[in-house]
Protein backbone atom coordinates (compact mmCIF):
# COMPACT_ATOMS: atom_id res chain seq x y z
CA MET A 1 37.19 -39.18 11.94
CA ALA A 2 40.56 -40.51 12.60
CA ALA A 3 43.23 -38.05 13.24
CA ALA A 4 45.10 -38.90 10.25
CA GLU A 5 42.31 -37.95 8.06
CA LEU A 6 41.94 -34.59 9.84
CA TYR A 7 45.76 -33.70 9.52
CA ALA A 8 46.24 -34.74 6.03
CA GLN A 9 48.71 -32.96 3.78
CA GLY A 10 47.41 -29.34 3.11
CA THR A 11 45.34 -29.03 6.34
CA ARG A 12 45.83 -25.52 8.05
CA VAL A 13 46.48 -25.40 11.63
CA TRP A 14 47.18 -22.85 14.50
CA ILE A 15 50.55 -23.19 16.30
CA PRO A 16 51.54 -21.32 19.58
CA ASP A 17 53.79 -18.32 18.69
CA CYS A 18 55.65 -16.09 21.24
CA LEU A 19 54.89 -12.62 19.46
CA GLU A 20 51.71 -13.33 17.63
CA VAL A 21 50.07 -15.78 20.25
CA TRP A 22 48.88 -18.12 17.37
CA LYS A 23 50.41 -18.56 14.05
CA SER A 24 48.88 -20.12 11.03
CA ALA A 25 50.55 -22.97 9.29
CA GLU A 26 49.80 -25.59 6.56
CA LEU A 27 50.89 -29.47 6.81
CA THR A 28 53.40 -30.20 4.17
CA ARG A 29 53.06 -33.91 5.00
CA GLY A 30 50.07 -35.85 6.41
CA TYR A 31 50.15 -37.04 10.17
CA GLU A 32 50.69 -40.78 11.08
CA GLU A 33 50.16 -42.50 14.30
CA GLY A 34 53.61 -42.33 16.05
CA ASP A 35 55.02 -39.44 14.45
CA SER A 36 57.40 -37.13 16.77
CA PHE A 37 56.74 -33.91 14.40
CA LEU A 38 54.43 -32.33 12.05
CA HIS A 39 56.13 -30.71 9.12
CA LEU A 40 54.63 -27.36 8.38
CA ARG A 41 54.91 -24.25 6.07
CA LEU A 42 54.18 -20.86 7.35
CA GLU A 43 52.37 -18.37 5.88
CA ASP A 44 55.65 -16.52 5.10
CA GLY A 45 56.69 -19.57 3.15
CA SER A 46 59.35 -20.78 5.57
CA GLU A 47 59.38 -24.29 6.79
CA SER A 48 58.81 -25.48 10.24
CA THR A 49 58.11 -28.33 12.60
CA PHE A 50 55.72 -29.11 15.34
CA PRO A 51 57.00 -31.48 18.25
CA LEU A 52 54.50 -34.28 19.35
CA ASP A 53 54.69 -36.87 21.83
CA PRO A 54 54.13 -40.28 20.18
CA ARG A 55 52.80 -41.68 23.35
CA CYS A 56 50.19 -38.93 23.83
CA PRO A 57 50.27 -36.49 20.92
CA GLN A 58 48.64 -33.02 21.41
CA LEU A 59 47.76 -32.05 17.71
CA PRO A 60 47.41 -28.34 16.92
CA PHE A 61 44.36 -26.57 16.66
CA LEU A 62 42.62 -26.94 13.16
CA ARG A 63 42.01 -23.76 11.32
CA ASN A 64 38.57 -22.81 9.90
CA PRO A 65 37.90 -22.24 6.22
CA ASP A 66 38.65 -18.54 5.09
CA TYR A 67 34.95 -17.92 4.30
CA LEU A 68 34.18 -18.28 8.02
CA SER A 69 36.63 -15.67 9.25
CA ARG A 70 33.86 -12.84 9.03
CA GLU A 71 31.18 -14.77 10.61
CA ASN A 72 29.15 -12.48 12.93
CA ASP A 73 28.27 -15.48 15.18
CA LEU A 74 31.33 -17.58 16.77
CA VAL A 75 29.03 -20.70 17.07
CA ALA A 76 28.73 -21.01 13.38
CA LEU A 77 32.61 -21.80 13.16
CA SER A 78 33.43 -25.28 12.25
CA TYR A 79 36.11 -25.25 15.03
CA LEU A 80 35.63 -23.21 18.02
CA HIS A 81 38.48 -22.64 20.10
CA GLU A 82 40.89 -19.90 21.32
CA PRO A 83 42.76 -19.06 18.01
CA ALA A 84 39.50 -19.33 15.99
CA VAL A 85 37.87 -16.96 18.20
CA LEU A 86 40.80 -14.43 18.26
CA HIS A 87 41.17 -14.79 14.46
CA THR A 88 37.69 -14.02 13.84
CA LEU A 89 37.39 -10.97 16.34
CA ARG A 90 40.70 -9.69 14.83
CA THR A 91 39.51 -10.04 11.15
CA ARG A 92 36.13 -8.59 11.67
CA PHE A 93 37.72 -5.58 13.53
CA LEU A 94 40.61 -4.67 11.01
CA GLU A 95 38.88 -5.46 7.75
CA THR A 96 35.42 -4.14 8.49
CA ASN A 97 35.83 -2.13 11.58
CA THR A 98 33.10 -4.23 13.45
CA ILE A 99 33.48 -4.23 17.16
CA TYR A 100 30.68 -6.74 17.86
CA THR A 101 30.20 -10.35 17.45
CA TYR A 102 27.96 -12.87 18.97
CA CYS A 103 28.75 -16.16 20.69
CA GLY A 104 25.34 -17.61 20.75
CA ILE A 105 23.32 -15.28 23.20
CA ILE A 106 26.58 -13.61 24.39
CA LEU A 107 27.73 -10.30 22.61
CA VAL A 108 31.63 -10.07 22.33
CA ALA A 109 32.73 -6.33 22.28
CA ILE A 110 36.34 -4.94 21.10
CA ASN A 111 36.90 -1.58 22.48
CA PRO A 112 37.91 0.70 19.59
CA TYR A 113 39.24 3.48 21.94
CA LYS A 114 37.66 6.00 19.66
CA GLN A 115 33.92 7.16 18.96
CA LEU A 116 32.19 5.33 16.08
CA PRO A 117 28.77 6.61 14.52
CA ILE A 118 26.98 3.40 15.36
CA TYR A 119 24.89 4.76 18.58
CA GLU A 120 22.79 7.48 17.08
CA GLU A 121 18.93 7.38 17.53
CA LEU A 122 18.30 6.29 14.00
CA VAL A 123 20.45 3.16 14.75
CA ILE A 124 18.34 2.49 17.98
CA TYR A 125 15.10 2.88 15.93
CA ALA A 126 16.64 0.32 13.26
CA TYR A 127 17.14 -2.33 16.12
CA SER A 128 13.69 -1.55 17.82
CA GLY A 129 11.36 -4.56 17.01
CA GLN A 130 14.11 -6.52 15.54
CA ASN A 131 15.08 -10.12 16.60
CA MET A 132 18.37 -10.77 17.88
CA GLY A 133 19.58 -12.93 15.08
CA ASP A 134 18.15 -11.19 12.19
CA ILE A 135 20.39 -8.07 12.32
CA ASP A 136 24.09 -7.26 12.92
CA PRO A 137 25.69 -7.86 16.26
CA HIS A 138 25.16 -4.81 18.51
CA ILE A 139 24.67 -3.72 22.29
CA PHE A 140 21.31 -2.54 21.06
CA ALA A 141 20.27 -6.00 19.72
CA VAL A 142 20.85 -7.40 23.29
CA ALA A 143 18.93 -4.49 24.94
CA GLU A 144 16.02 -4.94 22.41
CA ASP A 145 15.81 -8.59 23.39
CA ALA A 146 15.83 -7.77 27.04
CA TYR A 147 13.25 -5.23 26.61
CA LYS A 148 11.02 -7.72 24.50
CA GLN A 149 11.25 -10.76 26.92
CA MET A 150 10.37 -8.02 29.72
CA CYS A 151 7.30 -6.86 27.75
CA ARG A 152 6.18 -10.26 26.54
CA ASN A 153 6.66 -12.06 29.98
CA ASN A 154 6.22 -9.24 32.42
CA GLU A 155 9.50 -10.55 34.10
CA ASN A 156 12.54 -8.33 34.94
CA GLN A 157 15.61 -8.87 32.98
CA SER A 158 19.42 -8.41 33.54
CA LEU A 159 22.24 -7.68 31.14
CA ILE A 160 25.48 -8.86 32.52
CA ILE A 161 28.53 -6.71 31.46
CA SER A 162 32.12 -8.26 32.21
CA GLY A 163 35.62 -7.33 30.95
CA GLU A 164 38.93 -6.02 32.24
CA SER A 165 39.30 -2.45 33.56
CA GLY A 166 39.15 -0.05 30.51
CA ALA A 167 37.45 -2.77 28.25
CA GLY A 168 34.40 -0.41 27.96
CA LYS A 169 31.84 -1.86 30.46
CA THR A 170 30.64 1.48 31.52
CA ALA A 171 30.20 2.67 27.99
CA SER A 172 28.28 -0.46 27.13
CA ALA A 173 26.02 0.01 30.21
CA LYS A 174 25.23 3.67 29.13
CA TYR A 175 24.34 2.61 25.65
CA ALA A 176 21.90 -0.24 26.81
CA MET A 177 20.42 2.65 29.33
CA ARG A 178 20.10 5.10 26.49
CA TYR A 179 18.30 2.31 24.38
CA PHE A 180 15.86 1.66 27.08
CA ALA A 181 15.41 5.27 27.50
CA LEU A 182 14.34 5.79 23.95
CA VAL A 183 12.07 2.67 23.54
CA GLY A 184 10.54 3.27 26.91
CA GLY A 185 9.68 6.89 25.97
CA SER A 186 11.92 8.87 28.59
CA LEU A 187 14.73 9.92 26.26
CA GLY A 188 14.01 13.45 27.03
CA ASP A 189 14.82 12.76 30.72
CA SER A 190 18.59 12.86 30.75
CA SER A 191 18.70 11.83 34.53
CA MET A 192 19.49 8.31 33.69
CA GLU A 193 22.45 8.90 31.42
CA GLU A 194 23.91 11.46 33.94
CA LYS A 195 23.49 9.07 36.94
CA VAL A 196 25.43 6.51 34.87
CA LEU A 197 28.12 8.61 33.88
CA ALA A 198 28.43 9.99 37.58
CA SER A 199 28.89 6.57 38.81
CA SER A 200 31.74 5.65 36.15
CA PRO A 201 34.72 6.07 38.31
CA ILE A 202 33.31 3.67 41.01
CA MET A 203 32.24 1.21 38.49
CA GLU A 204 35.43 1.39 36.46
CA GLU A 205 36.99 -0.42 39.42
CA CYS A 206 34.50 -3.28 39.13
CA PRO A 207 35.26 -6.20 36.64
CA GLN A 208 31.37 -6.82 35.97
CA GLU A 209 28.38 -4.78 35.96
CA ALA A 210 24.73 -5.57 35.78
CA VAL A 211 22.01 -3.59 34.05
CA GLY A 212 18.54 -4.54 35.64
CA LEU A 213 15.48 -3.85 33.60
CA ASP A 214 12.57 -3.69 36.00
CA SER A 215 9.08 -4.48 34.50
CA ALA A 216 7.02 -2.48 37.26
CA GLY A 217 7.67 0.67 35.64
CA GLY A 218 8.52 4.10 36.92
CA LEU A 219 11.37 6.63 36.71
CA ALA A 220 14.62 5.51 34.95
CA ALA A 221 17.41 5.67 37.74
CA PRO A 222 20.56 3.67 37.72
CA LEU A 223 21.81 3.04 41.22
CA GLN A 224 25.34 1.79 42.55
CA GLN A 225 24.97 -1.08 44.94
CA ASP A 226 27.27 -1.78 47.74
CA ARG A 227 29.14 -4.86 47.04
CA PRO A 228 31.53 -5.63 49.95
CA GLU A 229 33.69 -7.90 47.87
CA GLY A 230 34.18 -5.37 45.32
CA ARG A 231 33.34 -7.59 42.51
CA GLY A 232 30.76 -5.64 40.39
CA ALA A 233 28.12 -3.13 40.09
CA GLU A 234 24.21 -3.20 39.50
CA LEU A 235 22.35 -0.71 37.85
CA PRO A 236 18.45 -1.20 38.24
CA THR A 237 16.31 0.44 35.72
CA ASP A 238 12.64 0.96 35.76
CA VAL A 239 11.02 1.69 32.37
CA GLY A 240 7.48 2.33 32.13
């Protein structure tokens, strides 16, 4: 589709903003090849322009329809780019207090910096045996998928948990471990969670953690691996 068709009058776009990072706007005039500006109306009703280089115009990102703003899988968005991702995550978090969103097989998590009642045993049982795409996004859904793949294929599995310091990597690893402990029948043995928590001061300095699920069976025992480059931590877990 030609740019003039995509950027017709009334089309909504995202433009960079120094305070809000991205701001929504609507075209008041359609784009034509050779234009030096796009004419816009911001959400507060004010008029603005967006400069373009006629020789190589960098048109702004298109905004998705409103009905997609609460999608639980970013892959379902018509336009997948930075402002669309941030807007969807922000909308889900602020309007429905939802911290988890899928991006295909990847789970995106927002740290709410408070306890939420979504990690109890009843929630674990609700996710046990479910397919990843058939239930709301959750760390338990990812853990269940890994556990199911391990049982079905008799192969070790890994969950890679990445994020900045304070993003909640260790908490996510703990919840995944707790899920494995329950579905593996060893929730009564608290040693796994205790060892995860004991390693938290070390792992919080690492930008990435891996939870390994061992198909061989045995005692659930998360361990800190020595990583000379200081770039991550691995917690192998035997469930049997």
